Amino acid sequence: MITHPYNDSKGFATIGVGHLLHKSKVTDADRRAWTRFTKNDAKKLLMKDLKETFEPKIRALVKVPLSQNEYDAICSFAFNIGVGRGFPSSEFLKELNKGHYDGTLMLRWRRPSEIIGRRKKEVELFNHGVY
């Protein structure tokens, strides 16, 4: 949880828990605009992003029943790769909607390399309910 604007792995201005500000590098204007951003603000922004953007899109795209741990893993995965193009075009989603509940397909999204640990945790959560 980061309380100041930073450039994510793609070089995009981001704040909090992966909230995209815009698809270019952090500017001085970004730094000035977000000077009073707190960890509590970051939590609220994350919840807003999940509730208003990610969860509705996930519910619309996933056509099969899910357990809570599967849903939670998918929320983490989709939040990370995006619900604009990443998650909708993923082989994981295509196979899931065919009834193939194989969390290991999430491992195909492994860039940058720092994400591999997260991806393995998402697979464990999806496949085995390990939080």
N, C-alpha and C. Protein backbone atom coordinates (compact mmCIF):
# COMPACT_ATOMS: atom_id res chain seq x y z
N MET A 1 0.85 -1.16 0.00
CA MET A 1 0.00 0.00 0.00
C MET A 1 0.90 1.23 0.00
N ILE A 2 0.86 1.97 -1.07
CA ILE A 2 1.78 3.10 -1.24
C ILE A 2 0.98 4.40 -1.23
N THR A 3 1.39 5.32 -0.38
CA THR A 3 0.61 6.55 -0.17
C THR A 3 1.09 7.74 -0.99
N HIS A 4 1.90 7.47 -1.99
CA HIS A 4 2.33 8.53 -2.91
C HIS A 4 2.34 7.95 -4.32
N PRO A 5 2.18 8.79 -5.33
CA PRO A 5 2.21 8.29 -6.71
C PRO A 5 3.55 7.63 -7.03
N TYR A 6 3.46 6.51 -7.77
CA TYR A 6 4.67 5.79 -8.19
C TYR A 6 4.43 5.24 -9.59
N ASN A 7 5.50 4.90 -10.27
CA ASN A 7 5.39 4.28 -11.59
C ASN A 7 5.35 2.76 -11.41
N ASP A 8 4.32 2.13 -11.95
CA ASP A 8 4.22 0.67 -11.84
C ASP A 8 5.21 0.00 -12.79
N SER A 9 5.13 -1.31 -12.91
CA SER A 9 6.11 -2.04 -13.74
C SER A 9 6.04 -1.67 -15.22
N LYS A 10 4.93 -1.08 -15.65
CA LYS A 10 4.81 -0.63 -17.04
C LYS A 10 5.16 0.85 -17.20
N GLY A 11 5.48 1.49 -16.08
CA GLY A 11 5.81 2.91 -16.13
C GLY A 11 4.60 3.82 -16.04
N PHE A 12 3.48 3.29 -15.56
CA PHE A 12 2.25 4.07 -15.45
C PHE A 12 2.09 4.62 -14.04
N ALA A 13 1.58 5.83 -13.94
CA ALA A 13 1.36 6.48 -12.64
C ALA A 13 0.28 5.72 -11.87
N THR A 14 0.61 5.34 -10.65
CA THR A 14 -0.23 4.48 -9.82
C THR A 14 -0.15 4.98 -8.38
N ILE A 15 -1.17 4.63 -7.59
CA ILE A 15 -1.15 4.97 -6.16
C ILE A 15 -1.90 3.91 -5.38
N GLY A 16 -1.65 3.84 -4.08
CA GLY A 16 -2.39 2.93 -3.22
C GLY A 16 -2.05 1.48 -3.48
N VAL A 17 -3.09 0.70 -3.77
CA VAL A 17 -2.94 -0.73 -4.06
C VAL A 17 -3.23 -0.92 -5.55
N GLY A 18 -2.34 -0.43 -6.39
CA GLY A 18 -2.48 -0.64 -7.82
C GLY A 18 -3.53 0.19 -8.52
N HIS A 19 -3.92 1.31 -7.95
CA HIS A 19 -4.91 2.17 -8.60
C HIS A 19 -4.21 3.00 -9.68
N LEU A 20 -4.60 2.78 -10.93
CA LEU A 20 -3.99 3.48 -12.06
C LEU A 20 -4.47 4.93 -12.09
N LEU A 21 -3.52 5.85 -12.07
CA LEU A 21 -3.87 7.26 -12.21
C LEU A 21 -3.98 7.64 -13.67
N HIS A 22 -2.99 7.23 -14.46
CA HIS A 22 -3.00 7.45 -15.91
C HIS A 22 -1.87 6.63 -16.53
N LYS A 23 -1.93 6.48 -17.84
CA LYS A 23 -0.97 5.62 -18.55
C LYS A 23 0.25 6.40 -19.03
N SER A 24 0.84 7.12 -18.11
CA SER A 24 2.13 7.78 -18.35
C SER A 24 2.83 7.89 -17.01
N LYS A 25 4.04 8.38 -17.02
CA LYS A 25 4.82 8.45 -15.79
C LYS A 25 4.24 9.47 -14.81
N VAL A 26 4.58 9.28 -13.54
CA VAL A 26 4.17 10.20 -12.49
C VAL A 26 4.72 11.59 -12.80
N THR A 27 3.88 12.58 -12.60
CA THR A 27 4.27 13.97 -12.83
C THR A 27 4.34 14.73 -11.50
N ASP A 28 4.90 15.91 -11.55
CA ASP A 28 4.91 16.77 -10.36
C ASP A 28 3.48 17.11 -9.96
N ALA A 29 2.60 17.29 -10.93
CA ALA A 29 1.19 17.57 -10.63
C ALA A 29 0.56 16.40 -9.88
N ASP A 30 0.90 15.17 -10.24
CA ASP A 30 0.40 14.00 -9.51
C ASP A 30 0.87 14.05 -8.06
N ARG A 31 2.14 14.33 -7.88
CA ARG A 31 2.69 14.38 -6.52
C ARG A 31 1.99 15.43 -5.67
N ARG A 32 1.73 16.60 -6.27
CA ARG A 32 1.03 17.66 -5.54
C ARG A 32 -0.41 17.28 -5.24
N ALA A 33 -1.08 16.64 -6.18
CA ALA A 33 -2.49 16.30 -6.02
C ALA A 33 -2.72 15.23 -4.96
N TRP A 34 -1.73 14.39 -4.71
CA TRP A 34 -1.91 13.25 -3.80
C TRP A 34 -1.07 13.37 -2.53
N THR A 35 -0.74 14.59 -2.11
CA THR A 35 0.13 14.76 -0.94
C THR A 35 -0.53 14.33 0.37
N ARG A 36 -1.83 14.38 0.47
CA ARG A 36 -2.51 14.04 1.72
C ARG A 36 -3.13 12.64 1.69
N PHE A 37 -2.72 11.81 0.79
CA PHE A 37 -3.26 10.46 0.63
C PHE A 37 -2.70 9.55 1.72
N THR A 38 -3.59 8.90 2.48
CA THR A 38 -3.19 8.07 3.62
C THR A 38 -3.42 6.59 3.33
N LYS A 39 -2.95 5.73 4.21
CA LYS A 39 -3.21 4.29 4.07
C LYS A 39 -4.70 4.01 4.14
N ASN A 40 -5.42 4.74 4.97
CA ASN A 40 -6.87 4.59 5.04
C ASN A 40 -7.51 4.98 3.72
N ASP A 41 -7.03 6.05 3.10
CA ASP A 41 -7.52 6.45 1.77
C ASP A 41 -7.25 5.36 0.75
N ALA A 42 -6.07 4.74 0.84
CA ALA A 42 -5.71 3.67 -0.09
C ALA A 42 -6.66 2.48 0.06
N LYS A 43 -7.00 2.13 1.29
CA LYS A 43 -7.95 1.03 1.52
C LYS A 43 -9.31 1.36 0.94
N LYS A 44 -9.77 2.59 1.17
CA LYS A 44 -11.07 3.01 0.63
C LYS A 44 -11.07 2.98 -0.89
N LEU A 45 -9.99 3.45 -1.50
CA LEU A 45 -9.89 3.46 -2.95
C LEU A 45 -9.86 2.04 -3.51
N LEU A 46 -9.15 1.14 -2.85
CA LEU A 46 -9.14 -0.26 -3.27
C LEU A 46 -10.54 -0.85 -3.22
N MET A 47 -11.25 -0.63 -2.13
CA MET A 47 -12.61 -1.16 -2.00
C MET A 47 -13.53 -0.59 -3.08
N LYS A 48 -13.38 0.69 -3.37
CA LYS A 48 -14.17 1.34 -4.42
C LYS A 48 -13.85 0.71 -5.77
N ASP A 49 -12.57 0.55 -6.08
CA ASP A 49 -12.16 -0.06 -7.35
C ASP A 49 -12.75 -1.46 -7.49
N LEU A 50 -12.64 -2.25 -6.42
CA LEU A 50 -13.17 -3.62 -6.46
C LEU A 50 -14.67 -3.62 -6.66
N LYS A 51 -15.37 -2.83 -5.87
CA LYS A 51 -16.83 -2.83 -5.89
C LYS A 51 -17.41 -2.27 -7.18
N GLU A 52 -16.84 -1.18 -7.67
CA GLU A 52 -17.43 -0.49 -8.82
C GLU A 52 -16.89 -0.95 -10.17
N THR A 53 -15.69 -1.46 -10.21
CA THR A 53 -15.09 -1.82 -11.50
C THR A 53 -14.84 -3.32 -11.63
N PHE A 54 -14.08 -3.88 -10.72
CA PHE A 54 -13.60 -5.24 -10.90
C PHE A 54 -14.66 -6.31 -10.63
N GLU A 55 -15.34 -6.23 -9.51
CA GLU A 55 -16.31 -7.28 -9.20
C GLU A 55 -17.46 -7.34 -10.21
N PRO A 56 -18.05 -6.21 -10.64
CA PRO A 56 -19.11 -6.32 -11.65
C PRO A 56 -18.61 -6.94 -12.96
N LYS A 57 -17.41 -6.57 -13.36
CA LYS A 57 -16.86 -7.12 -14.61
C LYS A 57 -16.58 -8.61 -14.47
N ILE A 58 -16.03 -9.02 -13.33
CA ILE A 58 -15.75 -10.44 -13.10
C ILE A 58 -17.05 -11.23 -13.12
N ARG A 59 -18.07 -10.73 -12.41
CA ARG A 59 -19.36 -11.43 -12.37
C ARG A 59 -19.97 -11.55 -13.77
N ALA A 60 -19.77 -10.53 -14.60
CA ALA A 60 -20.31 -10.57 -15.96
C ALA A 60 -19.55 -11.54 -16.85
N LEU A 61 -18.25 -11.69 -16.62
CA LEU A 61 -17.42 -12.53 -17.49
C LEU A 61 -17.41 -14.00 -17.11
N VAL A 62 -17.48 -14.29 -15.82
CA VAL A 62 -17.42 -15.69 -15.36
C VAL A 62 -18.82 -16.29 -15.46
N LYS A 63 -18.93 -17.39 -16.19
CA LYS A 63 -20.23 -18.00 -16.48
C LYS A 63 -20.47 -19.29 -15.70
N VAL A 64 -19.58 -19.65 -14.80
CA VAL A 64 -19.71 -20.90 -14.04
C VAL A 64 -19.76 -20.57 -12.55
N PRO A 65 -20.35 -21.47 -11.74
CA PRO A 65 -20.38 -21.23 -10.29
C PRO A 65 -18.97 -21.28 -9.69
N LEU A 66 -18.77 -20.47 -8.66
CA LEU A 66 -17.47 -20.40 -7.99
C LEU A 66 -17.64 -20.55 -6.49
N SER A 67 -16.65 -21.16 -5.86
CA SER A 67 -16.58 -21.15 -4.39
C SER A 67 -16.00 -19.79 -3.99
N GLN A 68 -16.06 -19.48 -2.70
CA GLN A 68 -15.53 -18.18 -2.25
C GLN A 68 -14.03 -18.07 -2.52
N ASN A 69 -13.28 -19.13 -2.27
CA ASN A 69 -11.84 -19.05 -2.50
C ASN A 69 -11.52 -18.89 -3.99
N GLU A 70 -12.28 -19.53 -4.85
CA GLU A 70 -12.06 -19.36 -6.29
C GLU A 70 -12.34 -17.92 -6.71
N TYR A 71 -13.44 -17.38 -6.20
CA TYR A 71 -13.81 -16.00 -6.51
C TYR A 71 -12.73 -15.03 -6.01
N ASP A 72 -12.26 -15.24 -4.79
CA ASP A 72 -11.24 -14.36 -4.22
C ASP A 72 -9.95 -14.41 -5.04
N ALA A 73 -9.55 -15.60 -5.46
CA ALA A 73 -8.34 -15.74 -6.28
C ALA A 73 -8.52 -15.02 -7.61
N ILE A 74 -9.69 -15.15 -8.20
CA ILE A 74 -9.97 -14.49 -9.48
C ILE A 74 -9.95 -12.98 -9.31
N CYS A 75 -10.49 -12.47 -8.21
CA CYS A 75 -10.46 -11.02 -7.97
C CYS A 75 -9.03 -10.51 -7.92
N SER A 76 -8.16 -11.23 -7.22
CA SER A 76 -6.75 -10.83 -7.14
C SER A 76 -6.10 -10.86 -8.52
N PHE A 77 -6.32 -11.95 -9.23
CA PHE A 77 -5.75 -12.14 -10.56
C PHE A 77 -6.24 -11.05 -11.53
N ALA A 78 -7.55 -10.84 -11.57
CA ALA A 78 -8.12 -9.86 -12.50
C ALA A 78 -7.70 -8.44 -12.13
N PHE A 79 -7.61 -8.15 -10.83
CA PHE A 79 -7.17 -6.83 -10.41
C PHE A 79 -5.76 -6.57 -10.92
N ASN A 80 -4.94 -7.58 -10.91
CA ASN A 80 -3.55 -7.43 -11.32
C ASN A 80 -3.38 -7.33 -12.84
N ILE A 81 -4.10 -8.14 -13.60
CA ILE A 81 -3.89 -8.13 -15.06
C ILE A 81 -4.87 -7.22 -15.78
N GLY A 82 -5.90 -6.77 -15.08
CA GLY A 82 -6.86 -5.84 -15.66
C GLY A 82 -8.09 -6.51 -16.22
N VAL A 83 -9.21 -5.81 -16.11
CA VAL A 83 -10.47 -6.34 -16.62
C VAL A 83 -10.85 -5.72 -17.96
N GLY A 84 -9.98 -4.86 -18.48
CA GLY A 84 -10.22 -4.27 -19.80
C GLY A 84 -9.88 -5.25 -20.91
N ARG A 85 -8.64 -5.72 -20.91
CA ARG A 85 -8.20 -6.69 -21.93
C ARG A 85 -7.61 -7.95 -21.31
N GLY A 86 -6.83 -7.80 -20.25
CA GLY A 86 -6.10 -8.94 -19.68
C GLY A 86 -6.98 -10.10 -19.27
N PHE A 87 -7.83 -9.89 -18.29
CA PHE A 87 -8.67 -10.98 -17.79
C PHE A 87 -9.65 -11.48 -18.85
N PRO A 88 -10.36 -10.60 -19.56
CA PRO A 88 -11.31 -11.12 -20.57
C PRO A 88 -10.66 -11.97 -21.66
N SER A 89 -9.41 -11.69 -21.99
CA SER A 89 -8.74 -12.44 -23.06
C SER A 89 -7.91 -13.60 -22.55
N SER A 90 -7.90 -13.81 -21.24
CA SER A 90 -7.02 -14.84 -20.67
C SER A 90 -7.50 -16.25 -20.99
N GLU A 91 -6.54 -17.12 -21.21
CA GLU A 91 -6.83 -18.54 -21.42
C GLU A 91 -7.49 -19.12 -20.17
N PHE A 92 -7.10 -18.61 -19.01
CA PHE A 92 -7.71 -19.06 -17.76
C PHE A 92 -9.22 -18.86 -17.79
N LEU A 93 -9.68 -17.67 -18.16
CA LEU A 93 -11.12 -17.40 -18.19
C LEU A 93 -11.82 -18.25 -19.25
N LYS A 94 -11.21 -18.38 -20.41
CA LYS A 94 -11.82 -19.19 -21.47
C LYS A 94 -12.02 -20.62 -21.01
N GLU A 95 -11.00 -21.20 -20.39
CA GLU A 95 -11.10 -22.59 -19.92
C GLU A 95 -12.05 -22.71 -18.73
N LEU A 96 -12.01 -21.74 -17.84
CA LEU A 96 -12.93 -21.75 -16.70
C LEU A 96 -14.38 -21.78 -17.17
N ASN A 97 -14.70 -20.96 -18.14
CA ASN A 97 -16.08 -20.90 -18.63
C ASN A 97 -16.49 -22.16 -19.40
N LYS A 98 -15.53 -23.00 -19.74
CA LYS A 98 -15.83 -24.32 -20.32
C LYS A 98 -15.98 -25.36 -19.23
N GLY A 99 -15.82 -24.94 -17.97
CA GLY A 99 -15.94 -25.86 -16.85
C GLY A 99 -14.64 -26.48 -16.40
N HIS A 100 -13.52 -25.99 -16.92
CA HIS A 100 -12.20 -26.49 -16.52
C HIS A 100 -11.66 -25.60 -15.41
N TYR A 101 -11.80 -26.04 -14.20
CA TYR A 101 -11.37 -25.27 -13.03
C TYR A 101 -9.88 -25.54 -12.77
N ASP A 102 -9.02 -24.93 -13.56
CA ASP A 102 -7.58 -25.16 -13.46
C ASP A 102 -6.86 -23.84 -13.17
N GLY A 103 -6.62 -23.58 -11.89
CA GLY A 103 -5.97 -22.35 -11.50
C GLY A 103 -4.56 -22.19 -12.03
N THR A 104 -3.91 -23.31 -12.37
CA THR A 104 -2.53 -23.20 -12.86
C THR A 104 -2.44 -22.40 -14.15
N LEU A 105 -3.55 -22.24 -14.86
CA LEU A 105 -3.53 -21.43 -16.08
C LEU A 105 -3.23 -19.97 -15.77
N MET A 106 -3.46 -19.55 -14.53
CA MET A 106 -3.11 -18.17 -14.15
C MET A 106 -1.60 -17.95 -14.21
N LEU A 107 -0.83 -19.02 -14.09
CA LEU A 107 0.63 -18.90 -14.11
C LEU A 107 1.17 -18.45 -15.46
N ARG A 108 0.35 -18.48 -16.48
CA ARG A 108 0.80 -17.99 -17.79
C ARG A 108 1.06 -16.48 -17.76
N TRP A 109 0.45 -15.79 -16.81
CA TRP A 109 0.66 -14.35 -16.64
C TRP A 109 1.75 -14.18 -15.59
N ARG A 110 3.00 -14.14 -16.01
CA ARG A 110 4.12 -14.15 -15.07
C ARG A 110 5.12 -13.01 -15.30
N ARG A 111 4.68 -11.96 -15.91
CA ARG A 111 5.56 -10.81 -16.10
C ARG A 111 4.97 -9.61 -15.41
N PRO A 112 5.77 -8.81 -14.74
CA PRO A 112 7.20 -8.98 -14.53
C PRO A 112 7.49 -10.17 -13.62
N SER A 113 8.72 -10.59 -13.58
CA SER A 113 9.08 -11.80 -12.82
C SER A 113 8.75 -11.67 -11.34
N GLU A 114 8.67 -10.46 -10.82
CA GLU A 114 8.33 -10.25 -9.40
C GLU A 114 6.92 -10.73 -9.08
N ILE A 115 6.11 -10.96 -10.08
CA ILE A 115 4.71 -11.33 -9.87
C ILE A 115 4.53 -12.83 -9.65
N ILE A 116 5.55 -13.62 -9.89
CA ILE A 116 5.41 -15.08 -9.83
C ILE A 116 4.97 -15.55 -8.45
N GLY A 117 5.51 -14.98 -7.40
CA GLY A 117 5.09 -15.36 -6.05
C GLY A 117 3.61 -15.10 -5.82
N ARG A 118 3.14 -13.95 -6.26
CA ARG A 118 1.72 -13.62 -6.15
C ARG A 118 0.88 -14.61 -6.94
N ARG A 119 1.32 -14.90 -8.15
CA ARG A 119 0.56 -15.80 -9.01
C ARG A 119 0.44 -17.18 -8.37
N LYS A 120 1.52 -17.68 -7.78
CA LYS A 120 1.48 -18.99 -7.12
C LYS A 120 0.49 -18.99 -5.95
N LYS A 121 0.44 -17.88 -5.22
CA LYS A 121 -0.52 -17.77 -4.11
C LYS A 121 -1.96 -17.77 -4.64
N GLU A 122 -2.18 -17.10 -5.76
CA GLU A 122 -3.52 -17.10 -6.37
C GLU A 122 -3.93 -18.50 -6.80
N VAL A 123 -2.98 -19.25 -7.35
CA VAL A 123 -3.26 -20.64 -7.75
C VAL A 123 -3.58 -21.49 -6.53
N GLU A 124 -2.80 -21.36 -5.46
CA GLU A 124 -3.07 -22.11 -4.23
C GLU A 124 -4.44 -21.77 -3.67
N LEU A 125 -4.79 -20.50 -3.70
CA LEU A 125 -6.09 -20.08 -3.22
C LEU A 125 -7.20 -20.65 -4.09
N PHE A 126 -7.04 -20.54 -5.40
CA PHE A 126 -8.06 -21.04 -6.32
C PHE A 126 -8.22 -22.55 -6.22
N ASN A 127 -7.11 -23.27 -6.29
CA ASN A 127 -7.17 -24.73 -6.35
C ASN A 127 -7.41 -25.41 -5.00
N HIS A 128 -6.89 -24.80 -3.93
CA HIS A 128 -6.90 -25.50 -2.63
C HIS A 128 -7.50 -24.70 -1.49
N GLY A 129 -7.92 -23.47 -1.73
CA GLY A 129 -8.50 -22.66 -0.67
C GLY A 129 -7.52 -22.22 0.39
N VAL A 130 -6.23 -22.15 0.03
CA VAL A 130 -5.20 -21.75 0.98
C VAL A 130 -5.06 -20.22 0.93
N TYR A 131 -5.52 -19.59 2.00
CA TYR A 131 -5.45 -18.12 2.08
C TYR A 131 -4.12 -17.67 2.65
